[in-house]
Amino acid sequence: MKVAAKVDKEKCTGCGICVDACPQEAISLNDIAEIDPEKCTDCGTCVEECP
């Protein structure tokens, strides 16, 4: 099952856990996480790791 990854800008603390967890290196951190839709495969790893 695919998970549509998106960042909740109100809740993102910029901790970077999702950046380290992403196997596709699709997430960058500029104060908050930003997902590159071209690289993201919707694997859900970032969602699972996000505190």
PDB file of N, CA and C in Angstrom:
ATOM      1  N   MET A   1       0.834  -1.184   0.000  1.00  0.00           N
ATOM      2  CA  MET A   1       0.000   0.000   0.000  1.00  0.00           C
ATOM      3  C   MET A   1       0.881   1.249   0.000  1.00  0.00           C
ATOM      4  N   LYS A   2       0.582   2.179  -0.878  1.00  0.00           N
ATOM      5  CA  LYS A   2       1.349   3.414  -0.940  1.00  0.00           C
ATOM      6  C   LYS A   2       0.783   4.442   0.029  1.00  0.00           C
ATOM      7  N   VAL A   3       1.684   5.209   0.613  1.00  0.00           N
ATOM      8  CA  VAL A   3       1.310   6.285   1.521  1.00  0.00           C
ATOM      9  C   VAL A   3       1.693   7.592   0.849  1.00  0.00           C
ATOM     10  N   ALA A   4       0.748   8.478   0.702  1.00  0.00           N
ATOM     11  CA  ALA A   4       1.038   9.773   0.095  1.00  0.00           C
ATOM     12  C   ALA A   4       1.744  10.644   1.124  1.00  0.00           C
ATOM     13  N   ALA A   5       3.037  10.812   0.959  1.00  0.00           N
ATOM     14  CA  ALA A   5       3.832  11.583   1.916  1.00  0.00           C
ATOM     15  C   ALA A   5       3.608  13.073   1.701  1.00  0.00           C
ATOM     16  N   LYS A   6       3.340  13.754   2.794  1.00  0.00           N
ATOM     17  CA  LYS A   6       3.263  15.208   2.751  1.00  0.00           C
ATOM     18  C   LYS A   6       3.658  15.733   4.116  1.00  0.00           C
ATOM     19  N   VAL A   7       4.107  16.958   4.147  1.00  0.00           N
ATOM     20  CA  VAL A   7       4.587  17.570   5.379  1.00  0.00           C
ATOM     21  C   VAL A   7       3.492  18.448   5.967  1.00  0.00           C
ATOM     22  N   ASP A   8       3.200  18.223   7.240  1.00  0.00           N
ATOM     23  CA  ASP A   8       2.284  19.097   7.965  1.00  0.00           C
ATOM     24  C   ASP A   8       3.128  20.264   8.471  1.00  0.00           C
ATOM     25  N   LYS A   9       3.037  21.381   7.799  1.00  0.00           N
ATOM     26  CA  LYS A   9       3.888  22.532   8.105  1.00  0.00           C
ATOM     27  C   LYS A   9       3.661  23.088   9.508  1.00  0.00           C
ATOM     28  N   GLU A  10       2.508  22.827  10.082  1.00  0.00           N
ATOM     29  CA  GLU A  10       2.214  23.282  11.438  1.00  0.00           C
ATOM     30  C   GLU A  10       2.897  22.409  12.489  1.00  0.00           C
ATOM     31  N   LYS A  11       3.142  21.137  12.164  1.00  0.00           N
ATOM     32  CA  LYS A  11       3.697  20.199  13.139  1.00  0.00           C
ATOM     33  C   LYS A  11       5.178  19.894  12.937  1.00  0.00           C
ATOM     34  N   CYS A  12       5.711  20.128  11.747  1.00  0.00           N
ATOM     35  CA  CYS A  12       7.114  19.795  11.469  1.00  0.00           C
ATOM     36  C   CYS A  12       8.040  20.662  12.322  1.00  0.00           C
ATOM     37  N   THR A  13       8.931  19.997  13.070  1.00  0.00           N
ATOM     38  CA  THR A  13       9.871  20.716  13.929  1.00  0.00           C
ATOM     39  C   THR A  13      11.243  20.878  13.275  1.00  0.00           C
ATOM     40  N   GLY A  14      11.425  20.276  12.104  1.00  0.00           N
ATOM     41  CA  GLY A  14      12.714  20.367  11.427  1.00  0.00           C
ATOM     42  C   GLY A  14      13.780  19.482  12.038  1.00  0.00           C
ATOM     43  N   CYS A  15      13.374  18.391  12.673  1.00  0.00           N
ATOM     44  CA  CYS A  15      14.329  17.521  13.372  1.00  0.00           C
ATOM     45  C   CYS A  15      15.241  16.745  12.420  1.00  0.00           C
ATOM     46  N   GLY A  16      14.776  16.488  11.194  1.00  0.00           N
ATOM     47  CA  GLY A  16      15.607  15.808  10.203  1.00  0.00           C
ATOM     48  C   GLY A  16      15.554  14.289  10.227  1.00  0.00           C
ATOM     49  N   ILE A  17      14.754  13.710  11.099  1.00  0.00           N
ATOM     50  CA  ILE A  17      14.660  12.251  11.162  1.00  0.00           C
ATOM     51  C   ILE A  17      14.173  11.687   9.829  1.00  0.00           C
ATOM     52  N   CYS A  18      13.216  12.334   9.214  1.00  0.00           N
ATOM     53  CA  CYS A  18      12.689  11.860   7.932  1.00  0.00           C
ATOM     54  C   CYS A  18      13.745  11.926   6.830  1.00  0.00           C
ATOM     55  N   VAL A  19      14.580  12.953   6.873  1.00  0.00           N
ATOM     56  CA  VAL A  19      15.650  13.099   5.878  1.00  0.00           C
ATOM     57  C   VAL A  19      16.594  11.910   5.954  1.00  0.00           C
ATOM     58  N   ASP A  20      16.990  11.545   7.165  1.00  0.00           N
ATOM     59  CA  ASP A  20      17.893  10.408   7.361  1.00  0.00           C
ATOM     60  C   ASP A  20      17.222   9.084   7.015  1.00  0.00           C
ATOM     61  N   ALA A  21      15.922   8.986   7.219  1.00  0.00           N
ATOM     62  CA  ALA A  21      15.201   7.730   7.008  1.00  0.00           C
ATOM     63  C   ALA A  21      14.865   7.461   5.544  1.00  0.00           C
ATOM     64  N   CYS A  22      14.761   8.486   4.737  1.00  0.00           N
ATOM     65  CA  CYS A  22      14.289   8.330   3.355  1.00  0.00           C
ATOM     66  C   CYS A  22      15.292   7.565   2.489  1.00  0.00           C
ATOM     67  N   PRO A  23      14.901   6.375   1.986  1.00  0.00           N
ATOM     68  CA  PRO A  23      15.814   5.586   1.158  1.00  0.00           C
ATOM     69  C   PRO A  23      16.028   6.172  -0.237  1.00  0.00           C
ATOM     70  N   GLN A  24      15.159   7.075  -0.660  1.00  0.00           N
ATOM     71  CA  GLN A  24      15.262   7.679  -1.992  1.00  0.00           C
ATOM     72  C   GLN A  24      15.947   9.049  -1.975  1.00  0.00           C
ATOM     73  N   GLU A  25      16.330   9.502  -0.779  1.00  0.00           N
ATOM     74  CA  GLU A  25      16.916  10.836  -0.616  1.00  0.00           C
ATOM     75  C   GLU A  25      16.024  11.908  -1.248  1.00  0.00           C
ATOM     76  N   ALA A  26      14.724  11.771  -0.994  1.00  0.00           N
ATOM     77  CA  ALA A  26      13.735  12.661  -1.591  1.00  0.00           C
ATOM     78  C   ALA A  26      13.338  13.820  -0.686  1.00  0.00           C
ATOM     79  N   ILE A  27      13.939  13.890   0.506  1.00  0.00           N
ATOM     80  CA  ILE A  27      13.550  14.922   1.459  1.00  0.00           C
ATOM     81  C   ILE A  27      14.736  15.820   1.772  1.00  0.00           C
ATOM     82  N   SER A  28      14.497  17.115   1.704  1.00  0.00           N
ATOM     83  CA  SER A  28      15.514  18.086   2.105  1.00  0.00           C
ATOM     84  C   SER A  28      14.950  18.878   3.284  1.00  0.00           C
ATOM     85  N   LEU A  29      15.834  19.557   3.976  1.00  0.00           N
ATOM     86  CA  LEU A  29      15.421  20.297   5.163  1.00  0.00           C
ATOM     87  C   LEU A  29      15.807  21.758   5.006  1.00  0.00           C
ATOM     88  N   ASN A  30      14.803  22.616   4.942  1.00  0.00           N
ATOM     89  CA  ASN A  30      14.976  24.062   4.900  1.00  0.00           C
ATOM     90  C   ASN A  30      14.028  24.643   5.939  1.00  0.00           C
ATOM     91  N   ASP A  31      14.445  24.613   7.186  1.00  0.00           N
ATOM     92  CA  ASP A  31      13.616  24.943   8.353  1.00  0.00           C
ATOM     93  C   ASP A  31      12.589  23.839   8.619  1.00  0.00           C
ATOM     94  N   ILE A  32      11.870  23.417   7.575  1.00  0.00           N
ATOM     95  CA  ILE A  32      10.977  22.264   7.683  1.00  0.00           C
ATOM     96  C   ILE A  32      11.293  21.314   6.530  1.00  0.00           C
ATOM     97  N   ALA A  33      10.788  20.096   6.632  1.00  0.00           N
ATOM     98  CA  ALA A  33      11.034  19.091   5.599  1.00  0.00           C
ATOM     99  C   ALA A  33      10.304  19.453   4.309  1.00  0.00           C
ATOM    100  N   GLU A  34      10.985  19.199   3.186  1.00  0.00           N
ATOM    101  CA  GLU A  34      10.388  19.399   1.872  1.00  0.00           C
ATOM    102  C   GLU A  34      10.603  18.124   1.071  1.00  0.00           C
ATOM    103  N   ILE A  35       9.538  17.603   0.470  1.00  0.00           N
ATOM    104  CA  ILE A  35       9.600  16.347  -0.268  1.00  0.00           C
ATOM    105  C   ILE A  35       9.645  16.626  -1.763  1.00  0.00           C
ATOM    106  N   ASP A  36      10.613  16.006  -2.438  1.00  0.00           N
ATOM    107  CA  ASP A  36      10.731  16.110  -3.890  1.00  0.00           C
ATOM    108  C   ASP A  36       9.831  15.037  -4.504  1.00  0.00           C
ATOM    109  N   PRO A  37       8.711  15.424  -5.116  1.00  0.00           N
ATOM    110  CA  PRO A  37       7.779  14.430  -5.654  1.00  0.00           C
ATOM    111  C   PRO A  37       8.361  13.598  -6.800  1.00  0.00           C
ATOM    112  N   GLU A  38       9.397  14.103  -7.445  1.00  0.00           N
ATOM    113  CA  GLU A  38      10.040  13.353  -8.528  1.00  0.00           C
ATOM    114  C   GLU A  38      10.845  12.175  -7.995  1.00  0.00           C
ATOM    115  N   LYS A  39      11.372  12.306  -6.780  1.00  0.00           N
ATOM    116  CA  LYS A  39      12.182  11.245  -6.175  1.00  0.00           C
ATOM    117  C   LYS A  39      11.374  10.345  -5.248  1.00  0.00           C
ATOM    118  N   CYS A  40      10.316  10.880  -4.670  1.00  0.00           N
ATOM    119  CA  CYS A  40       9.516  10.148  -3.684  1.00  0.00           C
ATOM    120  C   CYS A  40       8.779   8.981  -4.343  1.00  0.00           C
ATOM    121  N   THR A  41       8.893   7.804  -3.725  1.00  0.00           N
ATOM    122  CA  THR A  41       8.201   6.612  -4.221  1.00  0.00           C
ATOM    123  C   THR A  41       7.016   6.241  -3.335  1.00  0.00           C
ATOM    124  N   ASP A  42       6.657   7.113  -2.410  1.00  0.00           N
ATOM    125  CA  ASP A  42       5.540   6.892  -1.485  1.00  0.00           C
ATOM    126  C   ASP A  42       5.699   5.612  -0.673  1.00  0.00           C
ATOM    127  N   CYS A  43       6.931   5.322  -0.250  1.00  0.00           N
ATOM    128  CA  CYS A  43       7.179   4.090   0.512  1.00  0.00           C
ATOM    129  C   CYS A  43       6.660   4.182   1.944  1.00  0.00           C
ATOM    130  N   GLY A  44       6.522   5.407   2.476  1.00  0.00           N
ATOM    131  CA  GLY A  44       5.983   5.595   3.814  1.00  0.00           C
ATOM    132  C   GLY A  44       7.000   5.560   4.938  1.00  0.00           C
ATOM    133  N   THR A  45       8.275   5.370   4.615  1.00  0.00           N
ATOM    134  CA  THR A  45       9.304   5.302   5.650  1.00  0.00           C
ATOM    135  C   THR A  45       9.354   6.591   6.465  1.00  0.00           C
ATOM    136  N   CYS A  46       9.265   7.717   5.814  1.00  0.00           N
ATOM    137  CA  CYS A  46       9.317   8.999   6.524  1.00  0.00           C
ATOM    138  C   CYS A  46       8.136   9.151   7.481  1.00  0.00           C
ATOM    139  N   VAL A  47       6.971   8.710   7.043  1.00  0.00           N
ATOM    140  CA  VAL A  47       5.774   8.800   7.879  1.00  0.00           C
ATOM    141  C   VAL A  47       5.931   7.928   9.122  1.00  0.00           C
ATOM    142  N   GLU A  48       6.483   6.736   8.947  1.00  0.00           N
ATOM    143  CA  GLU A  48       6.688   5.822  10.070  1.00  0.00           C
ATOM    144  C   GLU A  48       7.706   6.364  11.070  1.00  0.00           C
ATOM    145  N   GLU A  49       8.726   7.058  10.591  1.00  0.00           N
ATOM    146  CA  GLU A  49       9.807   7.542  11.452  1.00  0.00           C
ATOM    147  C   GLU A  49       9.530   8.897  12.090  1.00  0.00           C
ATOM    148  N   CYS A  50       8.633   9.658  11.525  1.00  0.00           N
ATOM    149  CA  CYS A  50       8.356  11.006  12.030  1.00  0.00           C
ATOM    150  C   CYS A  50       7.800  10.954  13.450  1.00  0.00           C
ATOM    151  N   PRO A  51       8.430  11.732  14.351  1.00  0.00           N
ATOM    152  CA  PRO A  51       7.924  11.739  15.731  1.00  0.00           C
ATOM    153  C   PRO A  51       6.615  12.492  15.812  1.00  0.00           C
TER     154      PRO A  51
END
